[in-house]
């Protein structure tokens, strides 16, 4: 395969992020005011970069995060394989302490290699990886596209990084993320390497704001100075 450069971002903040609701693939939420400011800040910081294509999931919070590039004329394509993991019956809920305990038990199972474990009605990491593989193969087959921008979701991002970098899925939580963070991966024709990880330098000129920095993918926040 030919060389490629992938700019992979997580979507900007939504009200579900801010208020601590579970999203997943079943909640098609919009960016909130903070998320739109994050998206504009990312655009202003990287507007000089030439992207051959933008790939987004089927959920609106991803294309809203890259809309300034699309409006400037960068072609964009929806790939359902980039959708967030489904959190099943927990989607749209604020979690109780019992829910949190169940979630961390599931993460422990994943770290132990039990990657078929999932929330009832949801998806397992193995199921997400399988549909992502179709999207990855498609993106990599477009040999005329060198530098592409991919906007996706937190847990899905962790799973994709494992697939691209050859990391076991049981170690996916090693890849940290925040709203509108950036990973840059370079493919030399044989393997991927990380050039930039979980980077938010594009927020440097924004006032202090809340962005999600999740010890898990459901909710939690910290202040970014």
Protein backbone atom coordinates (compact mmCIF):
# COMPACT_ATOMS: atom_id res chain seq x y z
CA UNK A 1 0.00 0.00 0.00
CA UNK A 2 1.03 3.61 -0.54
CA UNK A 3 1.93 6.02 2.26
CA UNK A 4 -0.88 7.79 4.10
CA UNK A 5 -1.32 10.31 6.86
CA UNK A 6 -4.40 10.05 9.07
CA UNK A 7 -5.60 12.93 11.23
CA UNK A 8 -8.06 11.25 13.61
CA UNK A 9 -10.18 13.34 15.97
CA UNK A 10 -12.92 12.71 18.45
CA UNK A 11 -16.04 14.85 18.03
CA UNK A 12 -16.56 18.05 20.01
CA UNK A 13 -18.58 18.34 23.19
CA UNK A 14 -22.34 17.70 23.25
CA UNK A 15 -24.88 18.39 25.95
CA UNK A 16 -24.89 14.66 26.66
CA UNK A 17 -21.15 14.90 27.40
CA UNK A 18 -21.60 17.99 29.53
CA UNK A 19 -24.54 16.67 31.54
CA UNK A 20 -23.17 13.16 32.02
CA UNK A 21 -25.58 11.19 29.83
CA UNK A 22 -24.53 8.02 28.01
CA UNK A 23 -24.43 8.52 24.24
CA UNK A 24 -23.17 5.62 22.16
CA UNK A 25 -24.30 4.87 18.62
CA UNK A 26 -27.99 5.12 19.47
CA UNK A 27 -27.95 8.80 20.47
CA UNK A 28 -27.61 11.25 17.57
CA UNK A 29 -26.85 14.43 19.51
CA UNK A 30 -25.68 17.83 18.30
CA UNK A 31 -22.60 19.73 19.39
CA UNK A 32 -23.30 22.27 22.11
CA UNK A 33 -21.84 25.80 22.19
CA UNK A 34 -18.56 24.55 23.63
CA UNK A 35 -18.36 21.81 21.00
CA UNK A 36 -18.88 24.34 18.21
CA UNK A 37 -16.12 26.55 19.66
CA UNK A 38 -13.85 23.50 19.81
CA UNK A 39 -14.63 22.68 16.17
CA UNK A 40 -13.90 26.23 15.05
CA UNK A 41 -10.66 26.32 17.05
CA UNK A 42 -9.52 23.07 15.42
CA UNK A 43 -10.34 24.48 11.98
CA UNK A 44 -8.47 27.71 12.61
CA UNK A 45 -5.41 25.79 13.83
CA UNK A 46 -5.34 23.31 10.94
CA UNK A 47 -6.93 25.26 8.09
CA UNK A 48 -3.54 25.39 6.35
CA UNK A 49 -3.38 21.57 6.16
CA UNK A 50 -4.49 20.09 2.85
CA UNK A 51 -6.88 17.19 3.39
CA UNK A 52 -7.77 15.05 0.41
CA UNK A 53 -10.89 13.70 2.11
CA UNK A 54 -12.91 13.79 5.34
CA UNK A 55 -14.45 10.63 6.78
CA UNK A 56 -17.13 10.81 9.46
CA UNK A 57 -19.47 8.43 11.23
CA UNK A 58 -23.21 8.42 10.57
CA UNK A 59 -23.80 10.50 13.73
CA UNK A 60 -24.20 14.25 13.31
CA UNK A 61 -21.80 15.24 16.07
CA UNK A 62 -18.92 14.04 13.87
CA UNK A 63 -19.75 15.96 10.70
CA UNK A 64 -20.62 19.04 12.77
CA UNK A 65 -17.08 18.86 14.21
CA UNK A 66 -15.48 19.08 10.75
CA UNK A 67 -18.11 21.19 8.99
CA UNK A 68 -15.79 24.21 8.47
CA UNK A 69 -13.47 22.04 6.33
CA UNK A 70 -16.41 20.67 4.35
CA UNK A 71 -17.79 24.16 3.74
CA UNK A 72 -14.39 25.14 2.39
CA UNK A 73 -14.68 22.39 -0.21
CA UNK A 74 -13.00 19.30 1.27
CA UNK A 75 -15.03 16.25 0.14
CA UNK A 76 -16.66 14.28 2.97
CA UNK A 77 -17.93 10.71 3.18
CA UNK A 78 -20.00 8.92 5.83
CA UNK A 79 -18.81 5.46 6.91
CA UNK A 80 -21.12 3.64 9.32
CA UNK A 81 -18.17 1.56 10.49
CA UNK A 82 -16.84 4.65 12.29
CA UNK A 83 -19.91 4.86 14.56
CA UNK A 84 -19.49 4.75 18.31
CA UNK A 85 -19.92 1.49 20.19
CA UNK A 86 -23.52 0.79 21.19
CA UNK A 87 -24.04 0.97 24.94
CA UNK A 88 -27.39 -0.80 24.66
CA UNK A 89 -30.03 -0.04 27.26
CA UNK A 90 -27.75 2.43 29.07
CA UNK A 91 -27.89 4.98 26.24
CA UNK A 92 -29.66 8.21 27.12
CA UNK A 93 -29.34 7.55 30.87
CA UNK A 94 -27.43 9.21 33.67
CA UNK A 95 -25.58 6.42 35.39
CA UNK A 96 -26.15 5.34 38.96
CA UNK A 97 -23.29 4.18 41.20
CA UNK A 98 -24.42 0.63 40.43
CA UNK A 99 -24.15 1.32 36.70
CA UNK A 100 -20.64 2.69 37.20
CA UNK A 101 -19.64 -0.43 39.11
CA UNK A 102 -20.97 -2.65 36.33
CA UNK A 103 -19.12 -0.56 33.76
CA UNK A 104 -15.77 -0.85 35.51
CA UNK A 105 -16.32 -4.59 35.91
CA UNK A 106 -16.81 -4.76 32.14
CA UNK A 107 -13.62 -2.78 31.53
CA UNK A 108 -11.77 -5.23 33.76
CA UNK A 109 -13.13 -8.11 31.69
CA UNK A 110 -11.95 -6.40 28.51
CA UNK A 111 -8.47 -5.87 29.95
CA UNK A 112 -8.39 -9.57 30.80
CA UNK A 113 -9.11 -10.38 27.16
CA UNK A 114 -12.84 -11.13 27.39
CA UNK A 115 -13.65 -8.90 24.43
CA UNK A 116 -17.04 -10.41 23.66
CA UNK A 117 -18.49 -8.97 26.90
CA UNK A 118 -21.02 -6.20 26.27
CA UNK A 119 -23.88 -4.22 27.76
CA UNK A 120 -27.21 -6.00 27.12
CA UNK A 121 -28.50 -4.76 23.78
CA UNK A 122 -25.13 -3.20 22.95
CA UNK A 123 -21.94 -4.12 21.11
CA UNK A 124 -18.74 -5.79 22.19
CA UNK A 125 -15.28 -4.51 21.23
CA UNK A 126 -14.94 -7.45 18.85
CA UNK A 127 -18.15 -6.47 17.06
CA UNK A 128 -17.04 -2.86 16.74
CA UNK A 129 -13.62 -3.96 15.46
CA UNK A 130 -15.27 -6.13 12.79
CA UNK A 131 -17.35 -3.30 11.33
CA UNK A 132 -14.43 -0.88 11.66
CA UNK A 133 -12.24 -3.22 9.62
CA UNK A 134 -14.51 -2.65 6.62
CA UNK A 135 -14.16 1.13 7.02
CA UNK A 136 -10.38 0.93 7.51
CA UNK A 137 -9.94 -1.26 4.44
CA UNK A 138 -11.97 1.20 2.39
CA UNK A 139 -9.99 4.24 3.57
CA UNK A 140 -6.68 2.49 2.94
CA UNK A 141 -7.79 1.36 -0.55
CA UNK A 142 -8.20 4.97 -1.70
CA UNK A 143 -4.64 5.27 -2.98
CA UNK A 144 -5.22 8.74 -4.44
CA UNK A 145 -5.92 10.13 -0.94
CA UNK A 146 -2.73 10.80 1.00
CA UNK A 147 -3.83 12.96 3.96
CA UNK A 148 -7.32 12.37 5.36
CA UNK A 149 -9.25 13.70 8.34
CA UNK A 150 -11.32 11.17 10.28
CA UNK A 151 -13.85 12.23 12.93
CA UNK A 152 -15.26 9.58 15.23
CA UNK A 153 -16.00 8.74 18.87
CA UNK A 154 -14.16 7.94 22.11
CA UNK A 155 -14.45 4.16 22.50
CA UNK A 156 -14.47 3.66 18.74
CA UNK A 157 -11.28 5.72 18.51
CA UNK A 158 -9.54 3.50 21.05
CA UNK A 159 -10.54 0.39 19.14
CA UNK A 160 -9.42 1.83 15.81
CA UNK A 161 -6.02 2.85 17.17
CA UNK A 162 -5.49 -0.71 18.37
CA UNK A 163 -6.32 -2.04 14.92
CA UNK A 164 -4.09 0.42 13.07
CA UNK A 165 -1.12 0.12 15.44
CA UNK A 166 -1.32 -3.62 16.06
CA UNK A 167 -2.08 -3.19 19.76
CA UNK A 168 -4.16 -5.92 21.45
CA UNK A 169 -7.73 -4.73 21.99
CA UNK A 170 -7.32 -5.60 25.67
CA UNK A 171 -4.98 -2.57 25.90
CA UNK A 172 -7.33 -0.06 24.21
CA UNK A 173 -7.68 2.05 27.36
CA UNK A 174 -4.01 3.00 27.01
CA UNK A 175 -5.15 5.43 24.30
CA UNK A 176 -6.52 8.50 26.04
CA UNK A 177 -8.96 10.97 24.48
CA UNK A 178 -10.77 14.24 25.11
CA UNK A 179 -13.42 16.04 23.10
CA UNK A 180 -11.90 17.26 19.82
CA UNK A 181 -8.48 15.77 20.58
CA UNK A 182 -6.18 14.87 17.69
CA UNK A 183 -4.14 11.80 16.85
CA UNK A 184 -1.87 11.90 13.79
CA UNK A 185 -0.79 8.55 12.38
CA UNK A 186 1.66 8.05 9.51
CA UNK A 187 1.62 4.97 7.31
CA UNK A 188 4.87 4.31 5.44
CA UNK A 189 3.47 1.58 3.24
CA UNK A 190 4.13 -1.14 5.80
CA UNK A 191 3.07 0.04 9.26
CA UNK A 192 1.51 2.91 11.19
CA UNK A 193 3.33 5.08 13.71
CA UNK A 194 1.90 7.77 16.01
CA UNK A 195 3.15 11.29 15.28
CA UNK A 196 0.82 13.07 17.73
CA UNK A 197 -1.42 11.68 20.49
CA UNK A 198 -4.47 13.11 22.29
CA UNK A 199 -3.36 16.61 21.35
CA UNK A 200 -5.41 19.75 22.08
CA UNK A 201 -2.90 22.49 21.26
CA UNK A 202 -5.58 23.98 19.00
CA UNK A 203 -7.45 25.11 22.14
CA UNK A 204 -4.60 27.38 23.25
CA UNK A 205 -6.43 30.60 22.38
CA UNK A 206 -9.76 29.54 23.85
CA UNK A 207 -10.85 30.62 27.35
CA UNK A 208 -10.84 27.95 30.07
CA UNK A 209 -13.64 25.50 29.38
CA UNK A 210 -14.97 22.13 30.27
CA UNK A 211 -14.06 19.26 27.97
CA UNK A 212 -14.63 15.61 28.64
CA UNK A 213 -11.63 13.60 29.79
CA UNK A 214 -13.15 10.27 30.60
CA UNK A 215 -11.87 7.68 33.02
CA UNK A 216 -14.60 5.82 31.17
CA UNK A 217 -16.58 6.65 28.03
CA UNK A 218 -19.82 7.51 29.78
CA UNK A 219 -19.13 10.76 31.59
CA UNK A 220 -16.66 12.81 33.63
CA UNK A 221 -15.09 16.20 33.12
CA UNK A 222 -12.05 18.23 33.97
CA UNK A 223 -10.93 21.81 33.45
CA UNK A 224 -8.55 22.44 30.54
CA UNK A 225 -6.55 25.63 31.27
